[in-house]
PDB file of N, CA and C in Angstrom:
ATOM      1  N   MET A   1     150.552 124.376 117.017  1.00  0.00           N
ATOM      2  CA  MET A   1     151.527 124.814 116.038  1.00  0.00           C
ATOM      3  C   MET A   1     152.244 123.363 115.455  1.00  0.00           C
ATOM      4  N   GLN A   2     152.556 122.469 116.400  1.00  0.00           N
ATOM      5  CA  GLN A   2     153.104 121.265 116.035  1.00  0.00           C
ATOM      6  C   GLN A   2     152.375 120.477 115.155  1.00  0.00           C
ATOM      7  N   GLU A   3     151.002 120.640 115.649  1.00  0.00           N
ATOM      8  CA  GLU A   3     150.050 119.766 114.932  1.00  0.00           C
ATOM      9  C   GLU A   3     149.764 120.168 113.548  1.00  0.00           C
ATOM     10  N   LYS A   4     149.767 121.569 113.336  1.00  0.00           N
ATOM     11  CA  LYS A   4     149.700 122.051 112.087  1.00  0.00           C
ATOM     12  C   LYS A   4     150.705 121.805 111.256  1.00  0.00           C
ATOM     13  N   LYS A   5     152.099 121.887 111.854  1.00  0.00           N
ATOM     14  CA  LYS A   5     153.250 121.389 111.023  1.00  0.00           C
ATOM     15  C   LYS A   5     153.209 120.075 110.559  1.00  0.00           C
ATOM     16  N   LEU A   6     152.782 119.143 111.374  1.00  0.00           N
ATOM     17  CA  LEU A   6     152.778 117.755 111.057  1.00  0.00           C
ATOM     18  C   LEU A   6     151.586 117.510 109.953  1.00  0.00           C
ATOM     19  N   LEU A   7     150.574 118.138 110.118  1.00  0.00           N
ATOM     20  CA  LEU A   7     149.621 118.164 108.999  1.00  0.00           C
ATOM     21  C   LEU A   7     150.092 118.629 107.534  1.00  0.00           C
ATOM     22  N   ASN A   8     150.772 119.661 107.686  1.00  0.00           N
ATOM     23  CA  ASN A   8     151.469 120.050 106.452  1.00  0.00           C
ATOM     24  C   ASN A   8     152.403 118.997 105.851  1.00  0.00           C
ATOM     25  N   LEU A   9     153.291 118.517 106.719  1.00  0.00           N
ATOM     26  CA  LEU A   9     154.372 117.512 106.414  1.00  0.00           C
ATOM     27  C   LEU A   9     153.517 116.286 105.851  1.00  0.00           C
ATOM     28  N   LEU A  10     152.433 115.915 106.357  1.00  0.00           N
ATOM     29  CA  LEU A  10     151.624 114.703 105.960  1.00  0.00           C
ATOM     30  C   LEU A  10     151.084 114.983 104.673  1.00  0.00           C
ATOM     31  N   ASN A  11     150.461 116.178 104.472  1.00  0.00           N
ATOM     32  CA  ASN A  11     149.824 116.562 103.193  1.00  0.00           C
ATOM     33  C   ASN A  11     150.977 116.742 102.138  1.00  0.00           C
ATOM     34  N   GLN A  12     152.074 117.196 102.430  1.00  0.00           N
ATOM     35  CA  GLN A  12     153.288 117.223 101.496  1.00  0.00           C
ATOM     36  C   GLN A  12     153.627 115.802 101.045  1.00  0.00           C
ATOM     37  N   ASP A  13     153.686 114.765 101.770  1.00  0.00           N
ATOM     38  CA  ASP A  13     153.959 113.531 101.485  1.00  0.00           C
ATOM     39  C   ASP A  13     152.908 112.917 100.539  1.00  0.00           C
ATOM     40  N   ARG A  14     151.723 113.232 100.906  1.00  0.00           N
ATOM     41  CA  ARG A  14     150.562 112.871 100.064  1.00  0.00           C
ATOM     42  C   ARG A  14     150.721 113.374  98.613  1.00  0.00           C
ATOM     43  N   ALA A  15     150.903 114.753  98.487  1.00  0.00           N
ATOM     44  CA  ALA A  15     151.114 115.353  97.237  1.00  0.00           C
ATOM     45  C   ALA A  15     152.233 114.883  96.445  1.00  0.00           C
ATOM     46  N   SER A  16     153.256 114.591  97.010  1.00  0.00           N
ATOM     47  CA  SER A  16     154.467 114.030  96.525  1.00  0.00           C
ATOM     48  C   SER A  16     154.092 112.671  95.827  1.00  0.00           C
ATOM     49  N   ASN A  17     153.236 112.059  96.245  1.00  0.00           N
ATOM     50  CA  ASN A  17     152.605 110.745  95.772  1.00  0.00           C
ATOM     51  C   ASN A  17     151.419 110.775  94.968  1.00  0.00           C
ATOM     52  N   GLY A  18     151.088 111.995  94.471  1.00  0.00           N
ATOM     53  CA  GLY A  18     150.010 112.207  93.646  1.00  0.00           C
ATOM     54  C   GLY A  18     148.623 112.230  94.320  1.00  0.00           C
ATOM     55  N   LEU A  19     148.549 112.320  95.694  1.00  0.00           N
ATOM     56  CA  LEU A  19     147.336 112.308  96.215  1.00  0.00           C
ATOM     57  C   LEU A  19     146.827 113.481  96.915  1.00  0.00           C
ATOM     58  N   ALA A  20     145.574 113.554  96.976  1.00  0.00           N
ATOM     59  CA  ALA A  20     144.766 114.753  97.438  1.00  0.00           C
ATOM     60  C   ALA A  20     145.188 114.933  98.900  1.00  0.00           C
ATOM     61  N   ALA A  21     145.224 116.155  99.483  1.00  0.00           N
ATOM     62  CA  ALA A  21     145.184 116.411 100.904  1.00  0.00           C
ATOM     63  C   ALA A  21     144.145 115.899 101.756  1.00  0.00           C
ATOM     64  N   LEU A  22     144.480 115.597 102.949  1.00  0.00           N
ATOM     65  CA  LEU A  22     143.542 115.093 103.789  1.00  0.00           C
ATOM     66  C   LEU A  22     142.975 116.243 104.591  1.00  0.00           C
ATOM     67  N   THR A  23     141.672 116.398 104.858  1.00  0.00           N
ATOM     68  CA  THR A  23     141.101 117.395 105.703  1.00  0.00           C
ATOM     69  C   THR A  23     141.309 117.114 107.165  1.00  0.00           C
ATOM     70  N   LEU A  24     141.734 118.096 107.920  1.00  0.00           N
ATOM     71  CA  LEU A  24     141.895 117.967 109.427  1.00  0.00           C
ATOM     72  C   LEU A  24     140.691 118.008 110.024  1.00  0.00           C
ATOM     73  N   ASP A  25     140.231 117.097 110.725  1.00  0.00           N
ATOM     74  CA  ASP A  25     138.786 117.062 111.367  1.00  0.00           C
ATOM     75  C   ASP A  25     139.169 117.392 112.941  1.00  0.00           C
ATOM     76  N   SER A  26     138.522 118.550 113.410  1.00  0.00           N
ATOM     77  CA  SER A  26     138.862 118.899 114.818  1.00  0.00           C
ATOM     78  C   SER A  26     138.457 117.945 115.814  1.00  0.00           C
ATOM     79  N   ARG A  27     137.249 117.298 115.609  1.00  0.00           N
ATOM     80  CA  ARG A  27     137.001 116.323 116.627  1.00  0.00           C
ATOM     81  C   ARG A  27     137.941 115.113 116.688  1.00  0.00           C
ATOM     82  N   LEU A  28     138.308 114.606 115.418  1.00  0.00           N
ATOM     83  CA  LEU A  28     139.418 113.513 115.388  1.00  0.00           C
ATOM     84  C   LEU A  28     140.501 113.892 116.010  1.00  0.00           C
ATOM     85  N   SER A  29     140.950 115.260 115.822  1.00  0.00           N
ATOM     86  CA  SER A  29     142.157 115.843 116.462  1.00  0.00           C
ATOM     87  C   SER A  29     142.204 115.798 117.830  1.00  0.00           C
ATOM     88  N   GLU A  30     140.956 116.086 118.488  1.00  0.00           N
ATOM     89  CA  GLU A  30     140.874 116.118 119.935  1.00  0.00           C
ATOM     90  C   GLU A  30     141.099 114.582 120.607  1.00  0.00           C
ATOM     91  N   LEU A  31     140.478 113.606 119.842  1.00  0.00           N
ATOM     92  CA  LEU A  31     140.787 112.151 120.246  1.00  0.00           C
ATOM     93  C   LEU A  31     142.287 111.859 120.026  1.00  0.00           C
ATOM     94  N   ALA A  32     142.861 112.331 118.805  1.00  0.00           N
ATOM     95  CA  ALA A  32     144.344 111.947 118.675  1.00  0.00           C
ATOM     96  C   ALA A  32     145.031 112.662 119.875  1.00  0.00           C
ATOM     97  N   ARG A  33     144.764 113.743 120.219  1.00  0.00           N
ATOM     98  CA  ARG A  33     145.451 114.438 121.320  1.00  0.00           C
ATOM     99  C   ARG A  33     145.212 113.741 122.601  1.00  0.00           C
ATOM    100  N   LEU A  34     144.132 113.277 122.972  1.00  0.00           N
ATOM    101  CA  LEU A  34     143.882 112.511 124.137  1.00  0.00           C
ATOM    102  C   LEU A  34     144.794 111.313 124.169  1.00  0.00           C
ATOM    103  N   LYS A  35     144.873 110.556 122.885  1.00  0.00           N
ATOM    104  CA  LYS A  35     145.714 109.205 122.844  1.00  0.00           C
ATOM    105  C   LYS A  35     147.119 109.767 123.141  1.00  0.00           C
ATOM    106  N   SER A  36     147.742 110.760 122.625  1.00  0.00           N
ATOM    107  CA  SER A  36     149.020 111.147 122.757  1.00  0.00           C
ATOM    108  C   SER A  36     149.311 111.477 124.383  1.00  0.00           C
ATOM    109  N   TYR A  37     148.395 112.232 124.879  1.00  0.00           N
ATOM    110  CA  TYR A  37     148.470 112.666 126.296  1.00  0.00           C
ATOM    111  C   TYR A  37     148.467 111.415 127.199  1.00  0.00           C
ATOM    112  N   ASP A  38     147.598 110.627 126.710  1.00  0.00           N
ATOM    113  CA  ASP A  38     147.365 109.214 127.510  1.00  0.00           C
ATOM    114  C   ASP A  38     148.630 108.430 127.453  1.00  0.00           C
ATOM    115  N   MET A  39     149.365 108.288 126.195  1.00  0.00           N
ATOM    116  CA  MET A  39     150.639 107.507 126.155  1.00  0.00           C
ATOM    117  C   MET A  39     151.582 108.166 127.270  1.00  0.00           C
ATOM    118  N   ASN A  40     151.746 109.612 127.164  1.00  0.00           N
ATOM    119  CA  ASN A  40     152.589 110.297 128.017  1.00  0.00           C
ATOM    120  C   ASN A  40     152.360 110.106 129.381  1.00  0.00           C
ATOM    121  N   GLU A  41     151.123 110.202 129.895  1.00  0.00           N
ATOM    122  CA  GLU A  41     150.754 110.192 131.351  1.00  0.00           C
ATOM    123  C   GLU A  41     150.921 108.829 131.795  1.00  0.00           C
ATOM    124  N   HIS A  42     150.482 107.747 130.998  1.00  0.00           N
ATOM    125  CA  HIS A  42     150.715 106.489 131.664  1.00  0.00           C
ATOM    126  C   HIS A  42     151.750 105.544 131.195  1.00  0.00           C
ATOM    127  N   HIS A  43     152.708 106.303 130.547  1.00  0.00           N
ATOM    128  CA  HIS A  43     153.992 105.831 130.264  1.00  0.00           C
ATOM    129  C   HIS A  43     153.931 104.512 129.439  1.00  0.00           C
ATOM    130  N   TYR A  44     153.142 104.601 128.288  1.00  0.00           N
ATOM    131  CA  TYR A  44     153.131 103.358 127.529  1.00  0.00           C
ATOM    132  C   TYR A  44     153.374 103.892 126.075  1.00  0.00           C
ATOM    133  N   PHE A  45     153.595 102.863 125.222  1.00  0.00           N
ATOM    134  CA  PHE A  45     153.618 103.152 123.659  1.00  0.00           C
ATOM    135  C   PHE A  45     153.010 102.024 123.142  1.00  0.00           C
ATOM    136  N   SER A  46     151.786 102.149 122.548  1.00  0.00           N
ATOM    137  CA  SER A  46     151.064 100.934 121.985  1.00  0.00           C
ATOM    138  C   SER A  46     149.817 101.433 121.167  1.00  0.00           C
ATOM    139  N   HIS A  47     149.325 100.752 120.319  1.00  0.00           N
ATOM    140  CA  HIS A  47     148.155 101.064 119.602  1.00  0.00           C
ATOM    141  C   HIS A  47     146.876 100.789 120.567  1.00  0.00           C
ATOM    142  N   THR A  48     147.208  99.989 121.499  1.00  0.00           N
ATOM    143  CA  THR A  48     145.995  99.613 122.327  1.00  0.00           C
ATOM    144  C   THR A  48     146.396 100.322 123.627  1.00  0.00           C
ATOM    145  N   SER A  49     145.378 101.390 124.039  1.00  0.00           N
ATOM    146  CA  SER A  49     145.536 102.094 125.238  1.00  0.00           C
ATOM    147  C   SER A  49     144.912 101.488 126.458  1.00  0.00           C
ATOM    148  N   PRO A  50     145.619 101.415 127.629  1.00  0.00           N
ATOM    149  CA  PRO A  50     144.916 100.787 128.736  1.00  0.00           C
ATOM    150  C   PRO A  50     143.727 101.589 129.093  1.00  0.00           C
ATOM    151  N   THR A  51     143.573 102.902 128.733  1.00  0.00           N
ATOM    152  CA  THR A  51     142.534 103.736 129.049  1.00  0.00           C
ATOM    153  C   THR A  51     141.374 103.678 128.095  1.00  0.00           C
ATOM    154  N   TYR A  52     141.673 103.740 126.722  1.00  0.00           N
ATOM    155  CA  TYR A  52     140.726 103.756 125.686  1.00  0.00           C
ATOM    156  C   TYR A  52     140.664 102.587 124.684  1.00  0.00           C
ATOM    157  N   GLY A  53     141.494 101.598 124.868  1.00  0.00           N
ATOM    158  CA  GLY A  53     141.447 100.343 124.002  1.00  0.00           C
ATOM    159  C   GLY A  53     142.046 100.777 122.694  1.00  0.00           C
ATOM    160  N   THR A  54     141.681 100.271 121.510  1.00  0.00           N
ATOM    161  CA  THR A  54     142.062 100.337 120.224  1.00  0.00           C
ATOM    162  C   THR A  54     141.508 101.598 119.722  1.00  0.00           C
ATOM    163  N   ALA A  55     142.134 102.198 118.616  1.00  0.00           N
ATOM    164  CA  ALA A  55     141.468 103.410 117.964  1.00  0.00           C
ATOM    165  C   ALA A  55     140.026 103.168 117.570  1.00  0.00           C
ATOM    166  N   ALA A  56     139.600 102.237 117.147  1.00  0.00           N
ATOM    167  CA  ALA A  56     138.120 101.834 116.773  1.00  0.00           C
ATOM    168  C   ALA A  56     137.452 102.038 117.988  1.00  0.00           C
ATOM    169  N   GLN A  57     137.775 101.247 119.114  1.00  0.00           N
ATOM    170  CA  GLN A  57     137.097 101.415 120.500  1.00  0.00           C
ATOM    171  C   GLN A  57     137.061 102.712 120.935  1.00  0.00           C
ATOM    172  N   MET A  58     138.106 103.496 120.838  1.00  0.00           N
ATOM    173  CA  MET A  58     138.145 104.969 121.358  1.00  0.00           C
ATOM    174  C   MET A  58     137.102 105.972 120.530  1.00  0.00           C
ATOM    175  N   LEU A  59     137.188 105.563 119.267  1.00  0.00           N
ATOM    176  CA  LEU A  59     136.271 106.406 118.574  1.00  0.00           C
ATOM    177  C   LEU A  59     134.713 106.183 118.835  1.00  0.00           C
ATOM    178  N   THR A  60     134.538 104.809 118.936  1.00  0.00           N
ATOM    179  CA  THR A  60     133.136 104.543 119.352  1.00  0.00           C
ATOM    180  C   THR A  60     132.765 104.989 120.743  1.00  0.00           C
ATOM    181  N   ARG A  61     133.661 104.840 121.755  1.00  0.00           N
ATOM    182  CA  ARG A  61     133.468 105.309 122.935  1.00  0.00           C
ATOM    183  C   ARG A  61     132.963 106.793 123.144  1.00  0.00           C
ATOM    184  N   PHE A  62     133.678 107.509 122.249  1.00  0.00           N
ATOM    185  CA  PHE A  62     133.369 108.851 122.262  1.00  0.00           C
ATOM    186  C   PHE A  62     132.357 109.411 121.199  1.00  0.00           C
ATOM    187  N   GLY A  63     131.595 108.398 120.695  1.00  0.00           N
ATOM    188  CA  GLY A  63     130.540 108.831 119.766  1.00  0.00           C
ATOM    189  C   GLY A  63     130.815 109.178 118.383  1.00  0.00           C
ATOM    190  N   TYR A  64     132.182 108.991 117.969  1.00  0.00           N
ATOM    191  CA  TYR A  64     132.692 109.418 116.612  1.00  0.00           C
ATOM    192  C   TYR A  64     132.263 108.478 115.447  1.00  0.00           C
ATOM    193  N   SER A  65     131.550 108.870 114.549  1.00  0.00           N
ATOM    194  CA  SER A  65     130.832 108.049 113.521  1.00  0.00           C
ATOM    195  C   SER A  65     132.103 107.978 112.487  1.00  0.00           C
ATOM    196  N   PHE A  66     132.321 106.595 112.048  1.00  0.00           N
ATOM    197  CA  PHE A  66     133.309 106.233 111.068  1.00  0.00           C
ATOM    198  C   PHE A  66     133.115 104.949 110.447  1.00  0.00           C
ATOM    199  N   ASN A  67     133.566 104.778 109.281  1.00  0.00           N
ATOM    200  CA  ASN A  67     133.577 103.456 108.570  1.00  0.00           C
ATOM    201  C   ASN A  67     134.804 102.572 108.388  1.00  0.00           C
ATOM    202  N   GLY A  68     135.773 103.424 108.772  1.00  0.00           N
ATOM    203  CA  GLY A  68     137.193 102.613 108.824  1.00  0.00           C
ATOM    204  C   GLY A  68     138.096 103.584 109.583  1.00  0.00           C
ATOM    205  N   VAL A  69     139.165 103.117 110.202  1.00  0.00           N
ATOM    206  CA  VAL A  69     140.011 103.978 110.974  1.00  0.00           C
ATOM    207  C   VAL A  69     141.432 103.276 111.200  1.00  0.00           C
ATOM    208  N   GLY A  70     142.507 104.134 110.983  1.00  0.00           N
ATOM    209  CA  GLY A  70     143.913 103.819 110.917  1.00  0.00           C
ATOM    210  C   GLY A  70     144.599 104.635 111.829  1.00  0.00           C
ATOM    211  N   GLU A  71     145.633 104.145 112.433  1.00  0.00           N
ATOM    212  CA  GLU A  71     146.385 104.847 113.512  1.00  0.00           C
ATOM    213  C   GLU A  71     147.950 104.821 113.368  1.00  0.00           C
ATOM    214  N   ASN A  72     148.574 105.909 113.338  1.00  0.00           N
ATOM    215  CA  ASN A  72     150.027 105.918 113.372  1.00  0.00           C
ATOM    216  C   ASN A  72     150.157 106.585 114.765  1.00  0.00           C
ATOM    217  N   ILE A  73     151.261 106.043 115.592  1.00  0.00           N
ATOM    218  CA  ILE A  73     151.835 106.703 116.786  1.00  0.00           C
ATOM    219  C   ILE A  73     153.401 106.750 116.643  1.00  0.00           C
ATOM    220  N   ALA A  74     153.828 107.731 117.264  1.00  0.00           N
ATOM    221  CA  ALA A  74     155.321 107.962 117.261  1.00  0.00           C
ATOM    222  C   ALA A  74     155.689 108.568 118.616  1.00  0.00           C
ATOM    223  N   HIS A  75     156.976 108.476 118.996  1.00  0.00           N
ATOM    224  CA  HIS A  75     157.533 109.107 119.995  1.00  0.00           C
ATOM    225  C   HIS A  75     159.062 109.354 119.424  1.00  0.00           C
ATOM    226  N   HIS A  76     159.130 110.788 119.390  1.00  0.00           N
ATOM    227  CA  HIS A  76     160.356 111.088 118.602  1.00  0.00           C
ATOM    228  C   HIS A  76     160.830 112.513 119.110  1.00  0.00           C
ATOM    229  N   ALA A  77     161.947 113.140 118.590  1.00  0.00           N
ATOM    230  CA  ALA A  77     162.548 114.282 119.103  1.00  0.00           C
ATOM    231  C   ALA A  77     161.747 115.436 118.530  1.00  0.00           C
ATOM    232  N   THR A  78     161.154 115.305 117.190  1.00  0.00           N
ATOM    233  CA  THR A  78     160.391 116.267 116.692  1.00  0.00           C
ATOM    234  C   THR A  78     159.387 115.678 115.831  1.00  0.00           C
ATOM    235  N   VAL A  79     158.374 116.531 115.392  1.00  0.00           N
ATOM    236  CA  VAL A  79     157.304 116.161 114.587  1.00  0.00           C
ATOM    237  C   VAL A  79     157.900 115.659 113.202  1.00  0.00           C
ATOM    238  N   GLU A  80     158.917 116.537 112.621  1.00  0.00           N
ATOM    239  CA  GLU A  80     159.723 116.293 111.271  1.00  0.00           C
ATOM    240  C   GLU A  80     160.144 114.864 111.545  1.00  0.00           C
ATOM    241  N   LYS A  81     160.863 114.380 112.585  1.00  0.00           N
ATOM    242  CA  LYS A  81     161.551 113.109 112.595  1.00  0.00           C
ATOM    243  C   LYS A  81     160.430 112.058 112.644  1.00  0.00           C
ATOM    244  N   ALA A  82     159.308 112.315 113.403  1.00  0.00           N
ATOM    245  CA  ALA A  82     158.218 111.335 113.384  1.00  0.00           C
ATOM    246  C   ALA A  82     157.579 111.242 112.178  1.00  0.00           C
ATOM    247  N   GLU A  83     157.274 112.245 111.275  1.00  0.00           N
ATOM    248  CA  GLU A  83     156.883 111.879 109.892  1.00  0.00           C
ATOM    249  C   GLU A  83     157.791 111.054 108.981  1.00  0.00           C
ATOM    250  N   ALA A  84     159.040 111.617 109.188  1.00  0.00           N
ATOM    251  CA  ALA A  84     160.079 110.618 108.450  1.00  0.00           C
ATOM    252  C   ALA A  84     160.054 109.280 108.712  1.00  0.00           C
ATOM    253  N   ALA A  85     159.898 109.027 110.027  1.00  0.00           N
ATOM    254  CA  ALA A  85     159.844 107.608 110.456  1.00  0.00           C
ATOM    255  C   ALA A  85     158.889 106.951 110.070  1.00  0.00           C
ATOM    256  N   PHE A  86     157.509 107.617 109.918  1.00  0.00           N
ATOM    257  CA  PHE A  86     156.463 107.002 109.461  1.00  0.00           C
ATOM    258  C   PHE A  86     156.526 106.680 108.017  1.00  0.00           C
ATOM    259  N   MET A  87     157.058 107.707 107.279  1.00  0.00           N
ATOM    260  CA  MET A  87     157.252 107.453 105.762  1.00  0.00           C
ATOM    261  C   MET A  87     158.237 106.316 105.461  1.00  0.00           C
ATOM    262  N   SER A  88     159.220 105.878 106.441  1.00  0.00           N
ATOM    263  CA  SER A  88     160.142 104.819 106.209  1.00  0.00           C
ATOM    264  C   SER A  88     159.514 103.544 106.581  1.00  0.00           C
ATOM    265  N   SER A  89     158.349 103.405 107.101  1.00  0.00           N
ATOM    266  CA  SER A  89     157.858 102.232 107.723  1.00  0.00           C
ATOM    267  C   SER A  89     156.546 101.929 106.940  1.00  0.00           C
ATOM    268  N   SER A  90     156.697 100.634 106.172  1.00  0.00           N
ATOM    269  CA  SER A  90     155.472 100.313 105.270  1.00  0.00           C
ATOM    270  C   SER A  90     154.170 100.538 105.792  1.00  0.00           C
ATOM    271  N   GLY A  91     153.884 100.002 107.130  1.00  0.00           N
ATOM    272  CA  GLY A  91     152.550 100.050 107.665  1.00  0.00           C
ATOM    273  C   GLY A  91     152.115 101.713 107.928  1.00  0.00           C
ATOM    274  N   HIS A  92     153.074 102.301 108.428  1.00  0.00           N
ATOM    275  CA  HIS A  92     152.627 103.724 108.680  1.00  0.00           C
ATOM    276  C   HIS A  92     152.438 104.604 107.349  1.00  0.00           C
ATOM    277  N   ARG A  93     153.397 104.293 106.541  1.00  0.00           N
ATOM    278  CA  ARG A  93     153.405 105.010 105.136  1.00  0.00           C
ATOM    279  C   ARG A  93     152.040 104.660 104.349  1.00  0.00           C
ATOM    280  N   ALA A  94     151.543 103.383 104.517  1.00  0.00           N
ATOM    281  CA  ALA A  94     150.292 102.902 103.926  1.00  0.00           C
ATOM    282  C   ALA A  94     149.126 103.786 104.376  1.00  0.00           C
ATOM    283  N   ASN A  95     149.220 104.106 105.704  1.00  0.00           N
ATOM    284  CA  ASN A  95     148.156 104.931 106.399  1.00  0.00           C
ATOM    285  C   ASN A  95     148.261 106.214 105.704  1.00  0.00           C
ATOM    286  N   ILE A  96     149.337 106.952 105.649  1.00  0.00           N
ATOM    287  CA  ILE A  96     149.605 108.274 105.149  1.00  0.00           C
ATOM    288  C   ILE A  96     149.118 108.345 103.836  1.00  0.00           C
ATOM    289  N   LEU A  97     149.479 107.336 102.990  1.00  0.00           N
ATOM    290  CA  LEU A  97     149.214 107.374 101.549  1.00  0.00           C
ATOM    291  C   LEU A  97     147.966 106.714 101.217  1.00  0.00           C
ATOM    292  N   GLY A  98     147.084 106.376 102.172  1.00  0.00           N
ATOM    293  CA  GLY A  98     145.851 105.581 101.876  1.00  0.00           C
ATOM    294  C   GLY A  98     144.764 106.384 101.241  1.00  0.00           C
ATOM    295  N   SER A  99     144.374 105.933 100.031  1.00  0.00           N
ATOM    296  CA  SER A  99     143.383 106.659  99.332  1.00  0.00           C
ATOM    297  C   SER A  99     141.996 106.476  99.879  1.00  0.00           C
ATOM    298  N   GLN A 100     141.807 105.513 100.899  1.00  0.00           N
ATOM    299  CA  GLN A 100     140.505 105.158 101.554  1.00  0.00           C
ATOM    300  C   GLN A 100     140.325 106.109 102.543  1.00  0.00           C
ATOM    301  N   TRP A 101     141.119 107.095 103.142  1.00  0.00           N
ATOM    302  CA  TRP A 101     140.878 107.926 104.017  1.00  0.00           C
ATOM    303  C   TRP A 101     140.392 109.234 103.571  1.00  0.00           C
ATOM    304  N   THR A 102     139.642 109.861 104.316  1.00  0.00           N
ATOM    305  CA  THR A 102     138.851 111.162 103.745  1.00  0.00           C
ATOM    306  C   THR A 102     139.282 112.416 104.917  1.00  0.00           C
ATOM    307  N   LYS A 103     139.660 112.002 105.956  1.00  0.00           N
ATOM    308  CA  LYS A 103     140.057 112.991 106.921  1.00  0.00           C
ATOM    309  C   LYS A 103     141.117 112.416 107.912  1.00  0.00           C
ATOM    310  N   VAL A 104     141.697 113.402 108.661  1.00  0.00           N
ATOM    311  CA  VAL A 104     142.865 112.837 109.612  1.00  0.00           C
ATOM    312  C   VAL A 104     142.611 113.815 110.862  1.00  0.00           C
ATOM    313  N   GLY A 105     143.036 113.283 112.047  1.00  0.00           N
ATOM    314  CA  GLY A 105     143.111 113.958 113.228  1.00  0.00           C
ATOM    315  C   GLY A 105     144.565 113.787 113.558  1.00  0.00           C
ATOM    316  N   ILE A 106     145.044 114.731 114.064  1.00  0.00           N
ATOM    317  CA  ILE A 106     146.429 114.911 114.564  1.00  0.00           C
ATOM    318  C   ILE A 106     146.607 115.407 116.037  1.00  0.00           C
ATOM    319  N   GLY A 107     147.172 114.653 117.054  1.00  0.00           N
ATOM    320  CA  GLY A 107     147.506 115.112 118.214  1.00  0.00           C
ATOM    321  C   GLY A 107     148.740 114.894 118.668  1.00  0.00           C
ATOM    322  N   VAL A 108     149.481 116.085 119.205  1.00  0.00           N
ATOM    323  CA  VAL A 108     150.901 116.091 119.653  1.00  0.00           C
ATOM    324  C   VAL A 108     150.931 116.440 121.118  1.00  0.00           C
ATOM    325  N   CYS A 109     151.760 115.730 121.929  1.00  0.00           N
ATOM    326  CA  CYS A 109     151.935 116.445 123.263  1.00  0.00           C
ATOM    327  C   CYS A 109     153.533 116.190 123.422  1.00  0.00           C
ATOM    328  N   PHE A 110     154.117 116.931 124.290  1.00  0.00           N
ATOM    329  CA  PHE A 110     155.384 116.960 124.763  1.00  0.00           C
ATOM    330  C   PHE A 110     155.710 116.115 126.029  1.00  0.00           C
ATOM    331  N   ASP A 111     156.748 115.280 126.052  1.00  0.00           N
ATOM    332  CA  ASP A 111     157.101 114.637 127.436  1.00  0.00           C
ATOM    333  C   ASP A 111     158.061 115.560 128.190  1.00  0.00           C
ATOM    334  N   SER A 112     158.437 114.979 129.309  1.00  0.00           N
ATOM    335  CA  SER A 112     159.357 115.937 130.221  1.00  0.00           C
ATOM    336  C   SER A 112     160.623 116.116 129.740  1.00  0.00           C
ATOM    337  N   GLN A 113     161.066 115.437 128.642  1.00  0.00           N
ATOM    338  CA  GLN A 113     162.475 115.759 128.072  1.00  0.00           C
ATOM    339  C   GLN A 113     162.265 116.574 126.784  1.00  0.00           C
ATOM    340  N   GLY A 114     161.071 116.894 126.427  1.00  0.00           N
ATOM    341  CA  GLY A 114     160.900 117.715 125.204  1.00  0.00           C
ATOM    342  C   GLY A 114     160.705 117.040 124.005  1.00  0.00           C
ATOM    343  N   PHE A 115     160.468 115.618 124.098  1.00  0.00           N
ATOM    344  CA  PHE A 115     160.232 114.920 122.949  1.00  0.00           C
ATOM    345  C   PHE A 115     158.589 114.870 122.570  1.00  0.00           C
ATOM    346  N   VAL A 116     158.314 114.525 121.413  1.00  0.00           N
ATOM    347  CA  VAL A 116     156.833 114.540 121.181  1.00  0.00           C
ATOM    348  C   VAL A 116     156.217 113.158 121.099  1.00  0.00           C
ATOM    349  N   TYR A 117     155.032 113.009 121.480  1.00  0.00           N
ATOM    350  CA  TYR A 117     154.244 111.943 121.433  1.00  0.00           C
ATOM    351  C   TYR A 117     153.155 112.390 120.218  1.00  0.00           C
ATOM    352  N   VAL A 118     153.229 111.546 119.035  1.00  0.00           N
ATOM    353  CA  VAL A 118     152.396 111.901 118.046  1.00  0.00           C
ATOM    354  C   VAL A 118     151.300 110.710 117.839  1.00  0.00           C
ATOM    355  N   THR A 119     150.162 111.233 117.604  1.00  0.00           N
ATOM    356  CA  THR A 119     149.067 110.277 117.105  1.00  0.00           C
ATOM    357  C   THR A 119     148.476 110.899 115.786  1.00  0.00           C
ATOM    358  N   GLN A 120     148.282 109.972 114.871  1.00  0.00           N
ATOM    359  CA  GLN A 120     147.561 110.473 113.641  1.00  0.00           C
ATOM    360  C   GLN A 120     146.468 109.320 113.509  1.00  0.00           C
ATOM    361  N   LEU A 121     145.185 109.881 113.513  1.00  0.00           N
ATOM    362  CA  LEU A 121     144.069 109.101 113.348  1.00  0.00           C
ATOM    363  C   LEU A 121     143.472 109.390 111.956  1.00  0.00           C
ATOM    364  N   PHE A 122     143.319 108.290 111.178  1.00  0.00           N
ATOM    365  CA  PHE A 122     142.868 108.506 109.739  1.00  0.00           C
ATOM    366  C   PHE A 122     141.432 107.827 109.767  1.00  0.00           C
ATOM    367  N   ALA A 123     140.536 108.411 109.189  1.00  0.00           N
ATOM    368  CA  ALA A 123     139.171 107.816 109.318  1.00  0.00           C
ATOM    369  C   ALA A 123     138.505 108.073 107.803  1.00  0.00           C
ATOM    370  N   ARG A 124     137.527 107.525 107.712  1.00  0.00           N
ATOM    371  CA  ARG A 124     136.508 107.640 106.538  1.00  0.00           C
ATOM    372  C   ARG A 124     135.020 107.393 107.126  1.00  0.00           C
TER     373      ARG A 124
END
């Protein structure tokens, strides 16, 4: 439910900027979900996972074929606040509005206080 909500928010932001919607890739979402759960379980917040390495290393490890990858991560009260924070940060905004991406994976999990860990993986 939260992942679908975040996809809608992301694609609304793209539409507001004259860009086509990104297609949700279920395999990429599985990997994004793994990353969110990994950050929660191992109590870190970083683009480099102690378990999976970088986004590119993670996708390669799991046999996901790609020509480019971008990653946004957040730890916020809600997915709405996470997306708003992404859009107010130049690097994260560049990923969301990137015309080079053809698909996205979204993974959300809740921590023990009810906050969300969010991972958005962008690929082409």
